[in-house]
């Protein structure tokens, strides 16, 4: 089942405002649980975890910054 444009926008906002900060807390706790490794290992873990969170959520964020494809754009200026 594909999510609608509005649902993807709302879900992406929830992920960015609630999910991502929680993920950062978990990542920092994971690195501190390893007993402060060398700076290169720590950097590799943070970079790996920074890329890992987006992979399963990529379909949610695809096209969210674009105009709503469900609305018919007549080319008229909507600000008036």
N, C-alpha and C. Protein backbone atom coordinates (compact mmCIF):
# COMPACT_ATOMS: atom_id res chain seq x y z
N UNK A 1 0.84 -1.17 0.00
CA UNK A 1 0.00 0.00 0.00
C UNK A 1 0.90 1.25 0.00
N UNK A 2 0.70 2.10 -0.98
CA UNK A 2 1.49 3.32 -1.09
C UNK A 2 0.85 4.41 -0.24
N UNK A 3 1.69 5.19 0.39
CA UNK A 3 1.21 6.30 1.19
C UNK A 3 0.91 7.49 0.29
N UNK A 4 -0.08 8.25 0.66
CA UNK A 4 -0.39 9.45 -0.09
C UNK A 4 0.68 10.51 0.20
N UNK A 5 0.66 11.55 -0.61
CA UNK A 5 1.64 12.63 -0.45
C UNK A 5 1.52 13.28 0.92
N UNK A 6 0.28 13.56 1.34
CA UNK A 6 0.07 14.20 2.65
C UNK A 6 0.53 13.30 3.79
N UNK A 7 0.26 12.01 3.66
CA UNK A 7 0.67 11.07 4.71
C UNK A 7 2.19 10.98 4.79
N UNK A 8 2.86 10.97 3.64
CA UNK A 8 4.32 10.94 3.65
C UNK A 8 4.89 12.22 4.25
N UNK A 9 4.28 13.37 3.96
CA UNK A 9 4.76 14.63 4.55
C UNK A 9 4.61 14.61 6.07
N UNK A 10 3.48 14.17 6.54
CA UNK A 10 3.26 14.13 8.00
C UNK A 10 4.18 13.12 8.67
N UNK A 11 4.32 11.95 8.06
CA UNK A 11 5.18 10.92 8.64
C UNK A 11 6.64 11.36 8.63
N UNK A 12 7.07 12.04 7.57
CA UNK A 12 8.45 12.51 7.54
C UNK A 12 8.70 13.57 8.61
N UNK A 13 7.70 14.40 8.87
CA UNK A 13 7.84 15.39 9.93
C UNK A 13 7.94 14.73 11.30
N UNK A 14 7.15 13.71 11.54
CA UNK A 14 7.21 12.97 12.81
C UNK A 14 8.56 12.30 12.97
N UNK A 15 9.05 11.70 11.89
CA UNK A 15 10.36 11.03 11.94
C UNK A 15 11.46 12.03 12.26
N UNK A 16 11.43 13.19 11.62
CA UNK A 16 12.49 14.18 11.84
C UNK A 16 12.42 14.85 13.20
N UNK A 17 11.21 15.08 13.71
CA UNK A 17 11.07 15.80 14.98
C UNK A 17 11.12 14.90 16.21
N UNK A 18 10.70 13.65 16.06
CA UNK A 18 10.66 12.75 17.22
C UNK A 18 11.63 11.59 17.06
N UNK A 19 11.58 10.94 15.92
CA UNK A 19 12.39 9.74 15.70
C UNK A 19 13.88 10.00 15.62
N UNK A 20 14.27 11.03 14.89
CA UNK A 20 15.70 11.31 14.73
C UNK A 20 16.39 11.69 16.04
N UNK A 21 15.80 12.57 16.87
CA UNK A 21 16.46 12.83 18.16
C UNK A 21 16.58 11.57 19.04
N UNK A 22 15.57 10.73 19.01
CA UNK A 22 15.67 9.47 19.77
C UNK A 22 16.77 8.59 19.22
N UNK A 23 16.91 8.56 17.90
CA UNK A 23 17.96 7.76 17.27
C UNK A 23 19.34 8.30 17.64
N UNK A 24 19.48 9.62 17.72
CA UNK A 24 20.76 10.22 18.11
C UNK A 24 21.12 9.82 19.54
N UNK A 25 20.15 9.84 20.44
CA UNK A 25 20.39 9.44 21.83
C UNK A 25 20.84 7.98 21.89
N UNK A 26 20.19 7.12 21.12
CA UNK A 26 20.56 5.71 21.09
C UNK A 26 21.98 5.54 20.51
N UNK A 27 22.30 6.28 19.46
CA UNK A 27 23.63 6.18 18.85
C UNK A 27 24.72 6.63 19.82
N UNK A 28 24.49 7.72 20.53
CA UNK A 28 25.49 8.22 21.49
C UNK A 28 25.65 7.22 22.63
N UNK A 29 24.54 6.65 23.11
CA UNK A 29 24.63 5.65 24.16
C UNK A 29 25.34 4.39 23.68
N UNK A 30 25.15 4.03 22.43
CA UNK A 30 25.83 2.86 21.87
C UNK A 30 27.33 3.08 21.83
N UNK A 31 27.76 4.26 21.42
CA UNK A 31 29.20 4.55 21.36
C UNK A 31 29.78 4.64 22.76
N UNK A 32 29.05 5.20 23.71
CA UNK A 32 29.58 5.27 25.08
C UNK A 32 29.61 3.89 25.73
N UNK A 33 28.75 2.99 25.27
CA UNK A 33 28.73 1.62 25.80
C UNK A 33 29.97 0.85 25.35
N UNK A 34 30.58 1.28 24.25
CA UNK A 34 31.78 0.62 23.73
C UNK A 34 33.02 1.07 24.51
N UNK A 35 32.89 1.91 25.49
CA UNK A 35 33.99 2.41 26.33
C UNK A 35 34.94 3.32 25.56
N UNK A 36 34.37 4.31 24.89
CA UNK A 36 35.12 5.36 24.20
C UNK A 36 36.26 4.79 23.35
N UNK A 37 35.93 4.29 22.17
CA UNK A 37 36.98 3.76 21.28
C UNK A 37 37.84 4.89 20.71
N UNK A 38 38.81 4.52 19.87
CA UNK A 38 39.65 5.55 19.26
C UNK A 38 38.79 6.46 18.39
N UNK A 39 39.30 7.62 18.09
CA UNK A 39 38.53 8.64 17.39
C UNK A 39 38.12 8.16 16.00
N UNK A 40 38.96 7.39 15.33
CA UNK A 40 38.61 6.89 14.00
C UNK A 40 37.49 5.85 14.06
N UNK A 41 37.53 4.99 15.05
CA UNK A 41 36.46 4.00 15.22
C UNK A 41 35.16 4.71 15.58
N UNK A 42 35.25 5.68 16.46
CA UNK A 42 34.07 6.44 16.85
C UNK A 42 33.47 7.18 15.66
N UNK A 43 34.33 7.79 14.85
CA UNK A 43 33.86 8.49 13.66
C UNK A 43 33.20 7.51 12.68
N UNK A 44 33.80 6.35 12.49
CA UNK A 44 33.22 5.35 11.59
C UNK A 44 31.86 4.87 12.08
N UNK A 45 31.71 4.70 13.38
CA UNK A 45 30.43 4.27 13.94
C UNK A 45 29.38 5.36 13.73
N UNK A 46 29.72 6.61 13.99
CA UNK A 46 28.76 7.70 13.82
C UNK A 46 28.38 7.89 12.34
N UNK A 47 29.34 7.77 11.45
CA UNK A 47 29.03 7.89 10.02
C UNK A 47 28.16 6.72 9.58
N UNK A 48 28.49 5.52 10.02
CA UNK A 48 27.69 4.34 9.68
C UNK A 48 26.27 4.45 10.20
N UNK A 49 26.11 4.85 11.45
CA UNK A 49 24.77 5.00 12.01
C UNK A 49 24.03 6.18 11.37
N UNK A 50 24.78 7.19 10.94
CA UNK A 50 24.15 8.33 10.28
C UNK A 50 23.57 7.98 8.92
N UNK A 51 24.18 7.03 8.24
CA UNK A 51 23.66 6.57 6.95
C UNK A 51 22.61 5.50 7.15
N UNK A 52 22.77 4.69 8.17
CA UNK A 52 21.88 3.54 8.39
C UNK A 52 20.44 3.94 8.67
N UNK A 53 20.20 5.06 9.34
CA UNK A 53 18.83 5.42 9.72
C UNK A 53 17.98 5.79 8.52
N UNK A 54 18.59 6.30 7.47
CA UNK A 54 17.80 6.77 6.34
C UNK A 54 17.43 5.66 5.38
N UNK A 55 18.17 4.58 5.34
CA UNK A 55 17.92 3.52 4.36
C UNK A 55 16.50 2.95 4.43
N UNK A 56 15.99 2.57 5.58
CA UNK A 56 14.61 2.05 5.58
C UNK A 56 13.56 3.15 5.43
N UNK A 57 13.92 4.40 5.68
CA UNK A 57 12.96 5.50 5.62
C UNK A 57 13.02 6.28 4.31
N UNK A 58 13.86 5.87 3.40
CA UNK A 58 14.01 6.60 2.14
C UNK A 58 12.71 6.75 1.37
N UNK A 59 11.86 5.73 1.26
CA UNK A 59 10.60 5.92 0.51
C UNK A 59 9.69 7.00 1.11
N UNK A 60 9.78 7.22 2.40
CA UNK A 60 8.95 8.24 3.04
C UNK A 60 9.39 9.63 2.61
N UNK A 61 10.70 9.84 2.47
CA UNK A 61 11.22 11.16 2.18
C UNK A 61 11.30 11.48 0.69
N UNK A 62 11.10 10.51 -0.17
CA UNK A 62 11.20 10.72 -1.62
C UNK A 62 10.09 11.67 -2.09
N UNK A 63 10.46 12.79 -2.66
CA UNK A 63 9.52 13.72 -3.26
C UNK A 63 8.75 14.59 -2.30
N UNK A 64 9.08 14.58 -1.02
CA UNK A 64 8.34 15.37 -0.04
C UNK A 64 8.55 16.87 -0.26
N UNK A 65 9.69 17.27 -0.76
CA UNK A 65 9.95 18.68 -0.98
C UNK A 65 9.36 19.21 -2.28
N UNK A 66 8.80 18.34 -3.09
CA UNK A 66 8.20 18.75 -4.36
C UNK A 66 6.76 19.18 -4.15
N UNK A 67 6.19 19.89 -5.12
CA UNK A 67 4.77 20.25 -5.01
C UNK A 67 3.89 18.99 -5.00
N UNK A 68 2.72 19.11 -4.42
CA UNK A 68 1.80 17.99 -4.32
C UNK A 68 1.39 17.52 -5.71
N UNK A 69 1.71 16.26 -6.07
CA UNK A 69 1.36 15.77 -7.40
C UNK A 69 -0.13 15.50 -7.56
N UNK A 70 -0.88 15.44 -6.47
CA UNK A 70 -2.30 15.14 -6.54
C UNK A 70 -3.14 16.36 -6.90
N UNK A 71 -2.61 17.55 -6.70
CA UNK A 71 -3.39 18.75 -7.03
C UNK A 71 -3.12 19.12 -8.48
N UNK A 72 -4.14 19.60 -9.13
CA UNK A 72 -4.01 20.02 -10.52
C UNK A 72 -3.46 21.43 -10.54
N UNK A 73 -2.28 21.60 -11.11
CA UNK A 73 -1.66 22.93 -11.18
C UNK A 73 -2.08 23.58 -12.48
N UNK A 74 -2.77 24.68 -12.36
CA UNK A 74 -3.25 25.39 -13.55
C UNK A 74 -2.25 26.40 -14.05
N UNK A 75 -1.15 26.57 -13.36
CA UNK A 75 -0.14 27.53 -13.75
C UNK A 75 -0.44 28.94 -13.26
N UNK A 76 -1.56 29.15 -12.62
CA UNK A 76 -1.92 30.47 -12.10
C UNK A 76 -1.15 30.73 -10.81
N UNK A 77 -0.96 31.98 -10.53
CA UNK A 77 -0.29 32.38 -9.30
C UNK A 77 -1.23 32.22 -8.13
N UNK A 78 -0.87 31.37 -7.17
CA UNK A 78 -1.76 31.09 -6.03
C UNK A 78 -1.67 32.15 -4.95
N UNK A 79 -0.72 33.06 -5.04
CA UNK A 79 -0.56 34.05 -3.98
C UNK A 79 -1.60 35.16 -4.07
N UNK A 80 -2.33 35.24 -5.13
CA UNK A 80 -3.32 36.31 -5.30
C UNK A 80 -4.68 35.90 -4.84
